[in-house]
């Protein structure tokens, strides 16, 4: 689902504080993800930015996309973790792994090891 559908499906998401766990996670294909946890729902989600073409590159190697459309921001709820302390403990050391070429796989491994099942959204 896109980011607007995600927030519209549960207004608590839109109103809640969020904790970001990095916005430069990459998979083995080079796709970029942002990882966030929503306080009011306990949902840990990944947002994939579908960027078929970059408009420009910053001097730091980041892609700049002008006028990103809402439907290019795909959200996947990875699971539910009740408290901020629990999610911080689960993702301890995340900043070192985010820089890895397939760092997002580290997140999947942590969730699987903790027995956290991916949430299915209707």
PDB file of N, CA and C in Angstrom:
ATOM      1  N   UNK A   1       0.836  -1.176   0.000  1.00  0.00           N
ATOM      2  CA  UNK A   1       0.000   0.000   0.000  1.00  0.00           C
ATOM      3  C   UNK A   1       0.879   1.238   0.000  1.00  0.00           C
ATOM      4  N   UNK A   2       0.365   2.332  -0.523  1.00  0.00           N
ATOM      5  CA  UNK A   2       1.167   3.554  -0.510  1.00  0.00           C
ATOM      6  C   UNK A   2       1.037   4.241   0.845  1.00  0.00           C
ATOM      7  N   UNK A   3       1.851   5.248   1.064  1.00  0.00           N
ATOM      8  CA  UNK A   3       1.938   5.895   2.372  1.00  0.00           C
ATOM      9  C   UNK A   3       0.620   6.541   2.787  1.00  0.00           C
ATOM     10  N   UNK A   4      -0.112   7.113   1.858  1.00  0.00           N
ATOM     11  CA  UNK A   4      -1.391   7.742   2.206  1.00  0.00           C
ATOM     12  C   UNK A   4      -2.427   6.696   2.596  1.00  0.00           C
ATOM     13  N   UNK A   5      -2.487   5.588   1.876  1.00  0.00           N
ATOM     14  CA  UNK A   5      -3.401   4.496   2.237  1.00  0.00           C
ATOM     15  C   UNK A   5      -3.057   3.964   3.629  1.00  0.00           C
ATOM     16  N   UNK A   6      -1.785   3.859   3.909  1.00  0.00           N
ATOM     17  CA  UNK A   6      -1.321   3.369   5.206  1.00  0.00           C
ATOM     18  C   UNK A   6      -1.830   4.255   6.341  1.00  0.00           C
ATOM     19  N   UNK A   7      -1.596   5.548   6.240  1.00  0.00           N
ATOM     20  CA  UNK A   7      -2.040   6.460   7.288  1.00  0.00           C
ATOM     21  C   UNK A   7      -3.570   6.548   7.362  1.00  0.00           C
ATOM     22  N   UNK A   8      -4.250   6.514   6.236  1.00  0.00           N
ATOM     23  CA  UNK A   8      -5.712   6.606   6.219  1.00  0.00           C
ATOM     24  C   UNK A   8      -6.381   5.374   6.826  1.00  0.00           C
ATOM     25  N   UNK A   9      -5.732   4.238   6.767  1.00  0.00           N
ATOM     26  CA  UNK A   9      -6.309   2.996   7.279  1.00  0.00           C
ATOM     27  C   UNK A   9      -6.432   2.992   8.804  1.00  0.00           C
ATOM     28  N   UNK A  10      -5.627   3.819   9.477  1.00  0.00           N
ATOM     29  CA  UNK A  10      -5.686   3.898  10.941  1.00  0.00           C
ATOM     30  C   UNK A  10      -5.186   5.282  11.340  1.00  0.00           C
ATOM     31  N   UNK A  11      -6.103   6.155  11.710  1.00  0.00           N
ATOM     32  CA  UNK A  11      -5.746   7.548  12.014  1.00  0.00           C
ATOM     33  C   UNK A  11      -4.779   7.673  13.184  1.00  0.00           C
ATOM     34  N   UNK A  12      -4.696   6.655  14.024  1.00  0.00           N
ATOM     35  CA  UNK A  12      -3.707   6.696  15.108  1.00  0.00           C
ATOM     36  C   UNK A  12      -2.300   6.834  14.542  1.00  0.00           C
ATOM     37  N   UNK A  13      -2.066   6.260  13.378  1.00  0.00           N
ATOM     38  CA  UNK A  13      -0.747   6.348  12.745  1.00  0.00           C
ATOM     39  C   UNK A  13      -0.390   7.793  12.423  1.00  0.00           C
ATOM     40  N   UNK A  14      -1.332   8.519  11.917  1.00  0.00           N
ATOM     41  CA  UNK A  14      -1.089   9.905  11.498  1.00  0.00           C
ATOM     42  C   UNK A  14      -0.834  10.810  12.703  1.00  0.00           C
ATOM     43  N   UNK A  15      -1.510  10.539  13.809  1.00  0.00           N
ATOM     44  CA  UNK A  15      -1.423  11.399  14.987  1.00  0.00           C
ATOM     45  C   UNK A  15      -0.264  11.038  15.918  1.00  0.00           C
ATOM     46  N   UNK A  16       0.259   9.860  15.793  1.00  0.00           N
ATOM     47  CA  UNK A  16       1.245   9.340  16.733  1.00  0.00           C
ATOM     48  C   UNK A  16       2.645   9.888  16.515  1.00  0.00           C
ATOM     49  N   UNK A  17       3.405   9.859  17.598  1.00  0.00           N
ATOM     50  CA  UNK A  17       4.847  10.094  17.477  1.00  0.00           C
ATOM     51  C   UNK A  17       5.455   8.888  16.779  1.00  0.00           C
ATOM     52  N   UNK A  18       6.513   9.141  16.016  1.00  0.00           N
ATOM     53  CA  UNK A  18       7.234   8.065  15.345  1.00  0.00           C
ATOM     54  C   UNK A  18       8.708   8.160  15.706  1.00  0.00           C
ATOM     55  N   UNK A  19       9.329   7.003  15.762  1.00  0.00           N
ATOM     56  CA  UNK A  19      10.773   6.931  15.984  1.00  0.00           C
ATOM     57  C   UNK A  19      11.384   6.388  14.707  1.00  0.00           C
ATOM     58  N   UNK A  20      12.289   7.146  14.124  1.00  0.00           N
ATOM     59  CA  UNK A  20      12.934   6.712  12.891  1.00  0.00           C
ATOM     60  C   UNK A  20      14.208   5.946  13.207  1.00  0.00           C
ATOM     61  N   UNK A  21      14.357   4.828  12.537  1.00  0.00           N
ATOM     62  CA  UNK A  21      15.564   4.018  12.651  1.00  0.00           C
ATOM     63  C   UNK A  21      16.290   4.014  11.308  1.00  0.00           C
ATOM     64  N   UNK A  22      16.556   5.191  10.819  1.00  0.00           N
ATOM     65  CA  UNK A  22      17.341   5.350   9.599  1.00  0.00           C
ATOM     66  C   UNK A  22      16.508   5.429   8.343  1.00  0.00           C
ATOM     67  N   UNK A  23      17.011   6.227   7.394  1.00  0.00           N
ATOM     68  CA  UNK A  23      16.304   6.383   6.125  1.00  0.00           C
ATOM     69  C   UNK A  23      17.167   6.045   4.917  1.00  0.00           C
ATOM     70  N   UNK A  24      18.247   5.337   5.172  1.00  0.00           N
ATOM     71  CA  UNK A  24      19.117   4.922   4.076  1.00  0.00           C
ATOM     72  C   UNK A  24      19.468   3.448   4.175  1.00  0.00           C
ATOM     73  N   UNK A  25      18.448   2.613   4.363  1.00  0.00           N
ATOM     74  CA  UNK A  25      18.612   1.168   4.319  1.00  0.00           C
ATOM     75  C   UNK A  25      18.520   0.747   2.857  1.00  0.00           C
ATOM     76  N   UNK A  26      19.333  -0.197   2.456  1.00  0.00           N
ATOM     77  CA  UNK A  26      19.292  -0.680   1.079  1.00  0.00           C
ATOM     78  C   UNK A  26      19.183  -2.190   1.058  1.00  0.00           C
ATOM     79  N   UNK A  27      18.531  -2.705   0.007  1.00  0.00           N
ATOM     80  CA  UNK A  27      18.513  -4.145  -0.195  1.00  0.00           C
ATOM     81  C   UNK A  27      19.590  -4.491  -1.226  1.00  0.00           C
ATOM     82  N   UNK A  28      19.701  -5.763  -1.558  1.00  0.00           N
ATOM     83  CA  UNK A  28      20.766  -6.208  -2.459  1.00  0.00           C
ATOM     84  C   UNK A  28      20.608  -5.662  -3.876  1.00  0.00           C
ATOM     85  N   UNK A  29      19.422  -5.170  -4.209  1.00  0.00           N
ATOM     86  CA  UNK A  29      19.191  -4.585  -5.539  1.00  0.00           C
ATOM     87  C   UNK A  29      19.412  -3.079  -5.561  1.00  0.00           C
ATOM     88  N   UNK A  30      19.723  -2.492  -4.396  1.00  0.00           N
ATOM     89  CA  UNK A  30      19.959  -1.060  -4.329  1.00  0.00           C
ATOM     90  C   UNK A  30      18.727  -0.235  -4.038  1.00  0.00           C
ATOM     91  N   UNK A  31      17.591  -0.865  -3.739  1.00  0.00           N
ATOM     92  CA  UNK A  31      16.379  -0.125  -3.375  1.00  0.00           C
ATOM     93  C   UNK A  31      16.554   0.476  -1.988  1.00  0.00           C
ATOM     94  N   UNK A  32      16.059   1.701  -1.812  1.00  0.00           N
ATOM     95  CA  UNK A  32      16.227   2.412  -0.544  1.00  0.00           C
ATOM     96  C   UNK A  32      14.963   2.334   0.297  1.00  0.00           C
ATOM     97  N   UNK A  33      15.159   2.136   1.613  1.00  0.00           N
ATOM     98  CA  UNK A  33      14.068   2.022   2.567  1.00  0.00           C
ATOM     99  C   UNK A  33      14.281   2.989   3.727  1.00  0.00           C
ATOM    100  N   UNK A  34      13.172   3.374   4.342  1.00  0.00           N
ATOM    101  CA  UNK A  34      13.183   4.068   5.629  1.00  0.00           C
ATOM    102  C   UNK A  34      12.529   3.126   6.627  1.00  0.00           C
ATOM    103  N   UNK A  35      13.029   3.137   7.858  1.00  0.00           N
ATOM    104  CA  UNK A  35      12.508   2.255   8.893  1.00  0.00           C
ATOM    105  C   UNK A  35      12.016   3.097  10.056  1.00  0.00           C
ATOM    106  N   UNK A  36      10.746   2.929  10.449  1.00  0.00           N
ATOM    107  CA  UNK A  36      10.155   3.731  11.525  1.00  0.00           C
ATOM    108  C   UNK A  36       9.255   2.867  12.392  1.00  0.00           C
ATOM    109  N   UNK A  37       9.097   3.313  13.639  1.00  0.00           N
ATOM    110  CA  UNK A  37       8.205   2.661  14.595  1.00  0.00           C
ATOM    111  C   UNK A  37       7.182   3.689  15.056  1.00  0.00           C
ATOM    112  N   UNK A  38       5.899   3.293  15.083  1.00  0.00           N
ATOM    113  CA  UNK A  38       4.798   4.173  15.470  1.00  0.00           C
ATOM    114  C   UNK A  38       4.418   3.877  16.917  1.00  0.00           C
ATOM    115  N   UNK A  39       4.527   4.894  17.752  1.00  0.00           N
ATOM    116  CA  UNK A  39       4.290   4.727  19.182  1.00  0.00           C
ATOM    117  C   UNK A  39       2.882   4.229  19.513  1.00  0.00           C
ATOM    118  N   UNK A  40       1.851   4.837  18.945  1.00  0.00           N
ATOM    119  CA  UNK A  40       0.471   4.508  19.324  1.00  0.00           C
ATOM    120  C   UNK A  40      -0.003   3.138  18.850  1.00  0.00           C
ATOM    121  N   UNK A  41       0.581   2.598  17.804  1.00  0.00           N
ATOM    122  CA  UNK A  41       0.156   1.290  17.290  1.00  0.00           C
ATOM    123  C   UNK A  41       1.193   0.202  17.545  1.00  0.00           C
ATOM    124  N   UNK A  42       2.432   0.589  17.825  1.00  0.00           N
ATOM    125  CA  UNK A  42       3.500  -0.378  18.023  1.00  0.00           C
ATOM    126  C   UNK A  42       4.021  -0.969  16.717  1.00  0.00           C
ATOM    127  N   UNK A  43       3.611  -0.403  15.596  1.00  0.00           N
ATOM    128  CA  UNK A  43       3.996  -0.964  14.293  1.00  0.00           C
ATOM    129  C   UNK A  43       5.389  -0.487  13.871  1.00  0.00           C
ATOM    130  N   UNK A  44       6.209  -1.446  13.507  1.00  0.00           N
ATOM    131  CA  UNK A  44       7.493  -1.159  12.868  1.00  0.00           C
ATOM    132  C   UNK A  44       7.251  -1.313  11.379  1.00  0.00           C
ATOM    133  N   UNK A  45       7.547  -0.256  10.614  1.00  0.00           N
ATOM    134  CA  UNK A  45       7.279  -0.343   9.187  1.00  0.00           C
ATOM    135  C   UNK A  45       8.477   0.113   8.374  1.00  0.00           C
ATOM    136  N   UNK A  46       8.527  -0.432   7.167  1.00  0.00           N
ATOM    137  CA  UNK A  46       9.543  -0.032   6.200  1.00  0.00           C
ATOM    138  C   UNK A  46       8.826   0.667   5.054  1.00  0.00           C
ATOM    139  N   UNK A  47       9.402   1.769   4.622  1.00  0.00           N
ATOM    140  CA  UNK A  47       8.852   2.482   3.485  1.00  0.00           C
ATOM    141  C   UNK A  47       9.875   2.410   2.361  1.00  0.00           C
ATOM    142  N   UNK A  48       9.461   1.818   1.260  1.00  0.00           N
ATOM    143  CA  UNK A  48      10.288   1.681   0.071  1.00  0.00           C
ATOM    144  C   UNK A  48       9.981   2.838  -0.854  1.00  0.00           C
ATOM    145  N   UNK A  49      11.029   3.525  -1.275  1.00  0.00           N
ATOM    146  CA  UNK A  49      10.834   4.630  -2.210  1.00  0.00           C
ATOM    147  C   UNK A  49      11.129   4.136  -3.615  1.00  0.00           C
ATOM    148  N   UNK A  50      10.074   4.043  -4.416  1.00  0.00           N
ATOM    149  CA  UNK A  50      10.235   3.626  -5.801  1.00  0.00           C
ATOM    150  C   UNK A  50      10.660   4.836  -6.624  1.00  0.00           C
ATOM    151  N   UNK A  51      11.882   4.855  -7.049  1.00  0.00           N
ATOM    152  CA  UNK A  51      12.396   5.992  -7.815  1.00  0.00           C
ATOM    153  C   UNK A  51      12.971   5.479  -9.128  1.00  0.00           C
ATOM    154  N   UNK A  52      12.151   5.426 -10.161  1.00  0.00           N
ATOM    155  CA  UNK A  52      12.627   4.899 -11.433  1.00  0.00           C
ATOM    156  C   UNK A  52      13.744   5.724 -12.056  1.00  0.00           C
ATOM    157  N   UNK A  53      13.717   7.035 -11.853  1.00  0.00           N
ATOM    158  CA  UNK A  53      14.774   7.880 -12.389  1.00  0.00           C
ATOM    159  C   UNK A  53      15.081   8.997 -11.406  1.00  0.00           C
ATOM    160  N   UNK A  54      16.350   9.211 -11.171  1.00  0.00           N
ATOM    161  CA  UNK A  54      16.763  10.298 -10.296  1.00  0.00           C
ATOM    162  C   UNK A  54      16.796  11.584 -11.103  1.00  0.00           C
ATOM    163  N   UNK A  55      16.323  12.654 -10.468  1.00  0.00           N
ATOM    164  CA  UNK A  55      16.402  13.947 -11.137  1.00  0.00           C
ATOM    165  C   UNK A  55      17.820  14.503 -11.047  1.00  0.00           C
ATOM    166  N   UNK A  56      18.419  14.417  -9.863  1.00  0.00           N
ATOM    167  CA  UNK A  56      19.786  14.893  -9.666  1.00  0.00           C
ATOM    168  C   UNK A  56      20.438  14.078  -8.556  1.00  0.00           C
ATOM    169  N   UNK A  57      21.722  14.245  -8.416  1.00  0.00           N
ATOM    170  CA  UNK A  57      22.489  13.627  -7.339  1.00  0.00           C
ATOM    171  C   UNK A  57      23.094  14.742  -6.502  1.00  0.00           C
ATOM    172  N   UNK A  58      23.073  14.581  -5.189  1.00  0.00           N
ATOM    173  CA  UNK A  58      23.720  15.566  -4.324  1.00  0.00           C
ATOM    174  C   UNK A  58      25.215  15.288  -4.325  1.00  0.00           C
ATOM    175  N   UNK A  59      26.023  16.224  -3.819  1.00  0.00           N
ATOM    176  CA  UNK A  59      27.465  15.979  -3.735  1.00  0.00           C
ATOM    177  C   UNK A  59      27.822  14.812  -2.820  1.00  0.00           C
ATOM    178  N   UNK A  60      26.868  14.387  -2.008  1.00  0.00           N
ATOM    179  CA  UNK A  60      27.112  13.289  -1.074  1.00  0.00           C
ATOM    180  C   UNK A  60      26.638  11.952  -1.622  1.00  0.00           C
ATOM    181  N   UNK A  61      26.175  11.924  -2.863  1.00  0.00           N
ATOM    182  CA  UNK A  61      25.750  10.675  -3.485  1.00  0.00           C
ATOM    183  C   UNK A  61      24.292  10.333  -3.291  1.00  0.00           C
ATOM    184  N   UNK A  62      23.535  11.233  -2.662  1.00  0.00           N
ATOM    185  CA  UNK A  62      22.112  10.980  -2.463  1.00  0.00           C
ATOM    186  C   UNK A  62      21.331  11.318  -3.726  1.00  0.00           C
ATOM    187  N   UNK A  63      20.252  10.584  -3.936  1.00  0.00           N
ATOM    188  CA  UNK A  63      19.376  10.848  -5.070  1.00  0.00           C
ATOM    189  C   UNK A  63      18.356  11.904  -4.665  1.00  0.00           C
ATOM    190  N   UNK A  64      18.149  12.868  -5.521  1.00  0.00           N
ATOM    191  CA  UNK A  64      17.090  13.848  -5.309  1.00  0.00           C
ATOM    192  C   UNK A  64      16.016  13.606  -6.352  1.00  0.00           C
ATOM    193  N   UNK A  65      14.802  13.483  -5.895  1.00  0.00           N
ATOM    194  CA  UNK A  65      13.673  13.284  -6.802  1.00  0.00           C
ATOM    195  C   UNK A  65      12.717  14.441  -6.603  1.00  0.00           C
ATOM    196  N   UNK A  66      12.445  15.145  -7.659  1.00  0.00           N
ATOM    197  CA  UNK A  66      11.519  16.268  -7.596  1.00  0.00           C
ATOM    198  C   UNK A  66      10.092  15.740  -7.648  1.00  0.00           C
ATOM    199  N   UNK A  67       9.231  16.308  -6.829  1.00  0.00           N
ATOM    200  CA  UNK A  67       7.802  15.988  -6.857  1.00  0.00           C
ATOM    201  C   UNK A  67       7.521  14.495  -6.743  1.00  0.00           C
ATOM    202  N   UNK A  68       8.076  13.863  -5.709  1.00  0.00           N
ATOM    203  CA  UNK A  68       7.796  12.433  -5.483  1.00  0.00           C
ATOM    204  C   UNK A  68       6.301  12.246  -5.264  1.00  0.00           C
ATOM    205  N   UNK A  69       5.727  11.288  -5.949  1.00  0.00           N
ATOM    206  CA  UNK A  69       4.303  11.017  -5.838  1.00  0.00           C
ATOM    207  C   UNK A  69       4.051  10.065  -4.682  1.00  0.00           C
ATOM    208  N   UNK A  70       2.918  10.245  -4.025  1.00  0.00           N
ATOM    209  CA  UNK A  70       2.548   9.437  -2.869  1.00  0.00           C
ATOM    210  C   UNK A  70       2.567   7.949  -3.213  1.00  0.00           C
ATOM    211  N   UNK A  71       2.123   7.600  -4.427  1.00  0.00           N
ATOM    212  CA  UNK A  71       2.047   6.178  -4.774  1.00  0.00           C
ATOM    213  C   UNK A  71       3.404   5.558  -5.074  1.00  0.00           C
ATOM    214  N   UNK A  72       4.474   6.334  -4.966  1.00  0.00           N
ATOM    215  CA  UNK A  72       5.816   5.765  -5.121  1.00  0.00           C
ATOM    216  C   UNK A  72       6.437   5.445  -3.766  1.00  0.00           C
ATOM    217  N   UNK A  73       5.700   5.684  -2.687  1.00  0.00           N
ATOM    218  CA  UNK A  73       6.173   5.395  -1.337  1.00  0.00           C
ATOM    219  C   UNK A  73       5.386   4.210  -0.802  1.00  0.00           C
ATOM    220  N   UNK A  74       5.974   3.024  -0.898  1.00  0.00           N
ATOM    221  CA  UNK A  74       5.297   1.775  -0.564  1.00  0.00           C
ATOM    222  C   UNK A  74       5.635   1.377   0.869  1.00  0.00           C
ATOM    223  N   UNK A  75       4.593   1.129   1.675  1.00  0.00           N
ATOM    224  CA  UNK A  75       4.757   0.813   3.090  1.00  0.00           C
ATOM    225  C   UNK A  75       4.483  -0.661   3.342  1.00  0.00           C
ATOM    226  N   UNK A  76       5.345  -1.267   4.149  1.00  0.00           N
ATOM    227  CA  UNK A  76       5.146  -2.631   4.619  1.00  0.00           C
ATOM    228  C   UNK A  76       5.288  -2.639   6.135  1.00  0.00           C
ATOM    229  N   UNK A  77       4.255  -3.106   6.830  1.00  0.00           N
ATOM    230  CA  UNK A  77       4.353  -3.249   8.281  1.00  0.00           C
ATOM    231  C   UNK A  77       5.101  -4.542   8.551  1.00  0.00           C
ATOM    232  N   UNK A  78       6.230  -4.415   9.236  1.00  0.00           N
ATOM    233  CA  UNK A  78       7.097  -5.556   9.480  1.00  0.00           C
ATOM    234  C   UNK A  78       6.672  -6.358  10.699  1.00  0.00           C
ATOM    235  N   UNK A  79       5.980  -5.712  11.610  1.00  0.00           N
ATOM    236  CA  UNK A  79       5.517  -6.389  12.810  1.00  0.00           C
ATOM    237  C   UNK A  79       5.120  -5.375  13.864  1.00  0.00           C
ATOM    238  N   UNK A  80       4.628  -5.887  14.979  1.00  0.00           N
ATOM    239  CA  UNK A  80       4.206  -5.027  16.079  1.00  0.00           C
ATOM    240  C   UNK A  80       5.087  -5.289  17.286  1.00  0.00           C
ATOM    241  N   UNK A  81       5.611  -4.198  17.842  1.00  0.00           N
ATOM    242  CA  UNK A  81       6.481  -4.255  19.012  1.00  0.00           C
ATOM    243  C   UNK A  81       5.898  -3.258  20.007  1.00  0.00           C
ATOM    244  N   UNK A  82       5.548  -3.737  21.179  1.00  0.00           N
ATOM    245  CA  UNK A  82       4.717  -2.979  22.115  1.00  0.00           C
ATOM    246  C   UNK A  82       5.312  -1.661  22.585  1.00  0.00           C
ATOM    247  N   UNK A  83       6.585  -1.630  22.939  1.00  0.00           N
ATOM    248  CA  UNK A  83       7.137  -0.423  23.554  1.00  0.00           C
ATOM    249  C   UNK A  83       8.390   0.062  22.835  1.00  0.00           C
ATOM    250  N   UNK A  84       8.678   1.336  23.074  1.00  0.00           N
ATOM    251  CA  UNK A  84       9.890   1.920  22.497  1.00  0.00           C
ATOM    252  C   UNK A  84      11.142   1.212  23.017  1.00  0.00           C
ATOM    253  N   UNK A  85      11.155   0.884  24.296  1.00  0.00           N
ATOM    254  CA  UNK A  85      12.311   0.172  24.848  1.00  0.00           C
ATOM    255  C   UNK A  85      12.533  -1.153  24.128  1.00  0.00           C
ATOM    256  N   UNK A  86      11.444  -1.874  23.859  1.00  0.00           N
ATOM    257  CA  UNK A  86      11.573  -3.168  23.184  1.00  0.00           C
ATOM    258  C   UNK A  86      12.094  -3.013  21.758  1.00  0.00           C
ATOM    259  N   UNK A  87      11.588  -2.029  21.023  1.00  0.00           N
ATOM    260  CA  UNK A  87      12.048  -1.851  19.646  1.00  0.00           C
ATOM    261  C   UNK A  87      13.498  -1.379  19.622  1.00  0.00           C
ATOM    262  N   UNK A  88      13.872  -0.510  20.565  1.00  0.00           N
ATOM    263  CA  UNK A  88      15.264  -0.058  20.617  1.00  0.00           C
ATOM    264  C   UNK A  88      16.206  -1.203  20.978  1.00  0.00           C
ATOM    265  N   UNK A  89      15.765  -2.080  21.869  1.00  0.00           N
ATOM    266  CA  UNK A  89      16.581  -3.237  22.219  1.00  0.00           C
ATOM    267  C   UNK A  89      16.705  -4.181  21.022  1.00  0.00           C
ATOM    268  N   UNK A  90      15.601  -4.431  20.341  1.00  0.00           N
ATOM    269  CA  UNK A  90      15.603  -5.314  19.174  1.00  0.00           C
ATOM    270  C   UNK A  90      16.534  -4.797  18.075  1.00  0.00           C
ATOM    271  N   UNK A  91      16.538  -3.477  17.875  1.00  0.00           N
ATOM    272  CA  UNK A  91      17.316  -2.884  16.781  1.00  0.00           C
ATOM    273  C   UNK A  91      18.638  -2.276  17.259  1.00  0.00           C
ATOM    274  N   UNK A  92      19.079  -2.651  18.443  1.00  0.00           N
ATOM    275  CA  UNK A  92      20.356  -2.125  18.961  1.00  0.00           C
ATOM    276  C   UNK A  92      21.471  -2.382  17.948  1.00  0.00           C
ATOM    277  N   UNK A  93      22.221  -1.329  17.641  1.00  0.00           N
ATOM    278  CA  UNK A  93      23.302  -1.419  16.668  1.00  0.00           C
ATOM    279  C   UNK A  93      22.872  -1.162  15.238  1.00  0.00           C
ATOM    280  N   UNK A  94      21.631  -0.723  15.059  1.00  0.00           N
ATOM    281  CA  UNK A  94      21.097  -0.543  13.705  1.00  0.00           C
ATOM    282  C   UNK A  94      21.919   0.404  12.845  1.00  0.00           C
ATOM    283  N   UNK A  95      22.459   1.448  13.428  1.00  0.00           N
ATOM    284  CA  UNK A  95      23.158   2.452  12.604  1.00  0.00           C
ATOM    285  C   UNK A  95      24.401   1.880  11.928  1.00  0.00           C
ATOM    286  N   UNK A  96      25.047   0.903  12.539  1.00  0.00           N
ATOM    287  CA  UNK A  96      26.204   0.268  11.909  1.00  0.00           C
ATOM    288  C   UNK A  96      25.772  -0.631  10.749  1.00  0.00           C
ATOM    289  N   UNK A  97      24.617  -1.253  10.858  1.00  0.00           N
ATOM    290  CA  UNK A  97      24.158  -2.191   9.830  1.00  0.00           C
ATOM    291  C   UNK A  97      23.466  -1.494   8.668  1.00  0.00           C
ATOM    292  N   UNK A  98      22.931  -0.299   8.914  1.00  0.00           N
ATOM    293  CA  UNK A  98      22.260   0.421   7.843  1.00  0.00           C
ATOM    294  C   UNK A  98      23.213   0.690   6.685  1.00  0.00           C
ATOM    295  N   UNK A  99      24.485   0.890   6.964  1.00  0.00           N
ATOM    296  CA  UNK A  99      25.463   1.234   5.928  1.00  0.00           C
ATOM    297  C   UNK A  99      25.866   0.036   5.064  1.00  0.00           C
ATOM    298  N   UNK A 100      25.483  -1.168   5.462  1.00  0.00           N
ATOM    299  CA  UNK A 100      25.844  -2.355   4.692  1.00  0.00           C
ATOM    300  C   UNK A 100      25.086  -2.381   3.371  1.00  0.00           C
ATOM    301  N   UNK A 101      25.654  -3.036   2.369  1.00  0.00           N
ATOM    302  CA  UNK A 101      25.042  -3.042   1.038  1.00  0.00           C
ATOM    303  C   UNK A 101      23.664  -3.713   1.026  1.00  0.00           C
ATOM    304  N   UNK A 102      23.420  -4.677   1.898  1.00  0.00           N
ATOM    305  CA  UNK A 102      22.118  -5.317   2.027  1.00  0.00           C
ATOM    306  C   UNK A 102      21.683  -5.224   3.486  1.00  0.00           C
ATOM    307  N   UNK A 103      21.836  -4.022   4.056  1.00  0.00           N
ATOM    308  CA  UNK A 103      21.578  -3.814   5.476  1.00  0.00           C
ATOM    309  C   UNK A 103      20.158  -4.114   5.902  1.00  0.00           C
ATOM    310  N   UNK A 104      19.195  -3.916   5.013  1.00  0.00           N
ATOM    311  CA  UNK A 104      17.807  -4.163   5.374  1.00  0.00           C
ATOM    312  C   UNK A 104      17.592  -5.646   5.701  1.00  0.00           C
ATOM    313  N   UNK A 105      18.430  -6.508   5.170  1.00  0.00           N
ATOM    314  CA  UNK A 105      18.349  -7.935   5.489  1.00  0.00           C
ATOM    315  C   UNK A 105      18.661  -8.177   6.969  1.00  0.00           C
ATOM    316  N   UNK A 106      19.529  -7.353   7.541  1.00  0.00           N
ATOM    317  CA  UNK A 106      19.842  -7.450   8.973  1.00  0.00           C
ATOM    318  C   UNK A 106      18.564  -7.239   9.792  1.00  0.00           C
ATOM    319  N   UNK A 107      17.736  -6.271   9.390  1.00  0.00           N
ATOM    320  CA  UNK A 107      16.475  -6.009  10.093  1.00  0.00           C
ATOM    321  C   UNK A 107      15.581  -7.249  10.021  1.00  0.00           C
ATOM    322  N   UNK A 108      15.446  -7.823   8.838  1.00  0.00           N
ATOM    323  CA  UNK A 108      14.614  -9.014   8.665  1.00  0.00           C
ATOM    324  C   UNK A 108      15.111 -10.157   9.546  1.00  0.00           C
ATOM    325  N   UNK A 109      16.416 -10.336   9.604  1.00  0.00           N
ATOM    326  CA  UNK A 109      16.996 -11.394  10.443  1.00  0.00           C
ATOM    327  C   UNK A 109      16.685 -11.162  11.916  1.00  0.00           C
ATOM    328  N   UNK A 110      16.784  -9.918  12.375  1.00  0.00           N
ATOM    329  CA  UNK A 110      16.495  -9.596  13.776  1.00  0.00           C
ATOM    330  C   UNK A 110      15.028  -9.888  14.117  1.00  0.00           C
ATOM    331  N   UNK A 111      14.134  -9.494  13.226  1.00  0.00           N
ATOM    332  CA  UNK A 111      12.714  -9.736  13.455  1.00  0.00           C
ATOM    333  C   UNK A 111      12.414 -11.231  13.479  1.00  0.00           C
ATOM    334  N   UNK A 112      13.004 -11.953  12.553  1.00  0.00           N
ATOM    335  CA  UNK A 112      12.776 -13.399  12.504  1.00  0.00           C
ATOM    336  C   UNK A 112      13.322 -14.074  13.755  1.00  0.00           C
ATOM    337  N   UNK A 113      14.508 -13.697  14.185  1.00  0.00           N
ATOM    338  CA  UNK A 113      15.113 -14.283  15.395  1.00  0.00           C
ATOM    339  C   UNK A 113      14.271 -14.003  16.644  1.00  0.00           C
ATOM    340  N   UNK A 114      13.589 -12.856  16.656  1.00  0.00           N
ATOM    341  CA  UNK A 114      12.748 -12.497  17.795  1.00  0.00           C
ATOM    342  C   UNK A 114      11.342 -13.085  17.699  1.00  0.00           C
ATOM    343  N   UNK A 115      11.054 -13.760  16.590  1.00  0.00           N
ATOM    344  CA  UNK A 115       9.737 -14.368  16.413  1.00  0.00           C
ATOM    345  C   UNK A 115       8.644 -13.373  16.084  1.00  0.00           C
ATOM    346  N   UNK A 116       9.024 -12.244  15.520  1.00  0.00           N
ATOM    347  CA  UNK A 116       8.042 -11.218  15.173  1.00  0.00           C
ATOM    348  C   UNK A 116       7.583 -11.456  13.744  1.00  0.00           C
ATOM    349  N   UNK A 117       6.306 -11.756  13.614  1.00  0.00           N
ATOM    350  CA  UNK A 117       5.727 -12.051  12.311  1.00  0.00           C
ATOM    351  C   UNK A 117       5.310 -10.774  11.609  1.00  0.00           C
ATOM    352  N   UNK A 118       5.445 -10.760  10.314  1.00  0.00           N
ATOM    353  CA  UNK A 118       5.019  -9.621   9.511  1.00  0.00           C
ATOM    354  C   UNK A 118       3.515  -9.462   9.633  1.00  0.00           C
ATOM    355  N   UNK A 119       3.067  -8.240   9.786  1.00  0.00           N
ATOM    356  CA  UNK A 119       1.650  -7.930   9.928  1.00  0.00           C
ATOM    357  C   UNK A 119       0.995  -7.884   8.543  1.00  0.00           C
ATOM    358  N   UNK A 120      -0.152  -8.522   8.407  1.00  0.00           N
ATOM    359  CA  UNK A 120      -0.880  -8.480   7.157  1.00  0.00           C
ATOM    360  C   UNK A 120      -1.939  -7.390   7.255  1.00  0.00           C
ATOM    361  N   UNK A 121      -1.936  -6.485   6.282  1.00  0.00           N
ATOM    362  CA  UNK A 121      -2.923  -5.403   6.250  1.00  0.00           C
ATOM    363  C   UNK A 121      -3.925  -5.681   5.149  1.00  0.00           C
ATOM    364  N   UNK A 122      -5.186  -5.434   5.443  1.00  0.00           N
ATOM    365  CA  UNK A 122      -6.236  -5.629   4.417  1.00  0.00           C
ATOM    366  C   UNK A 122      -6.397  -4.385   3.605  1.00  0.00           C
TER     367      UNK A 122
END
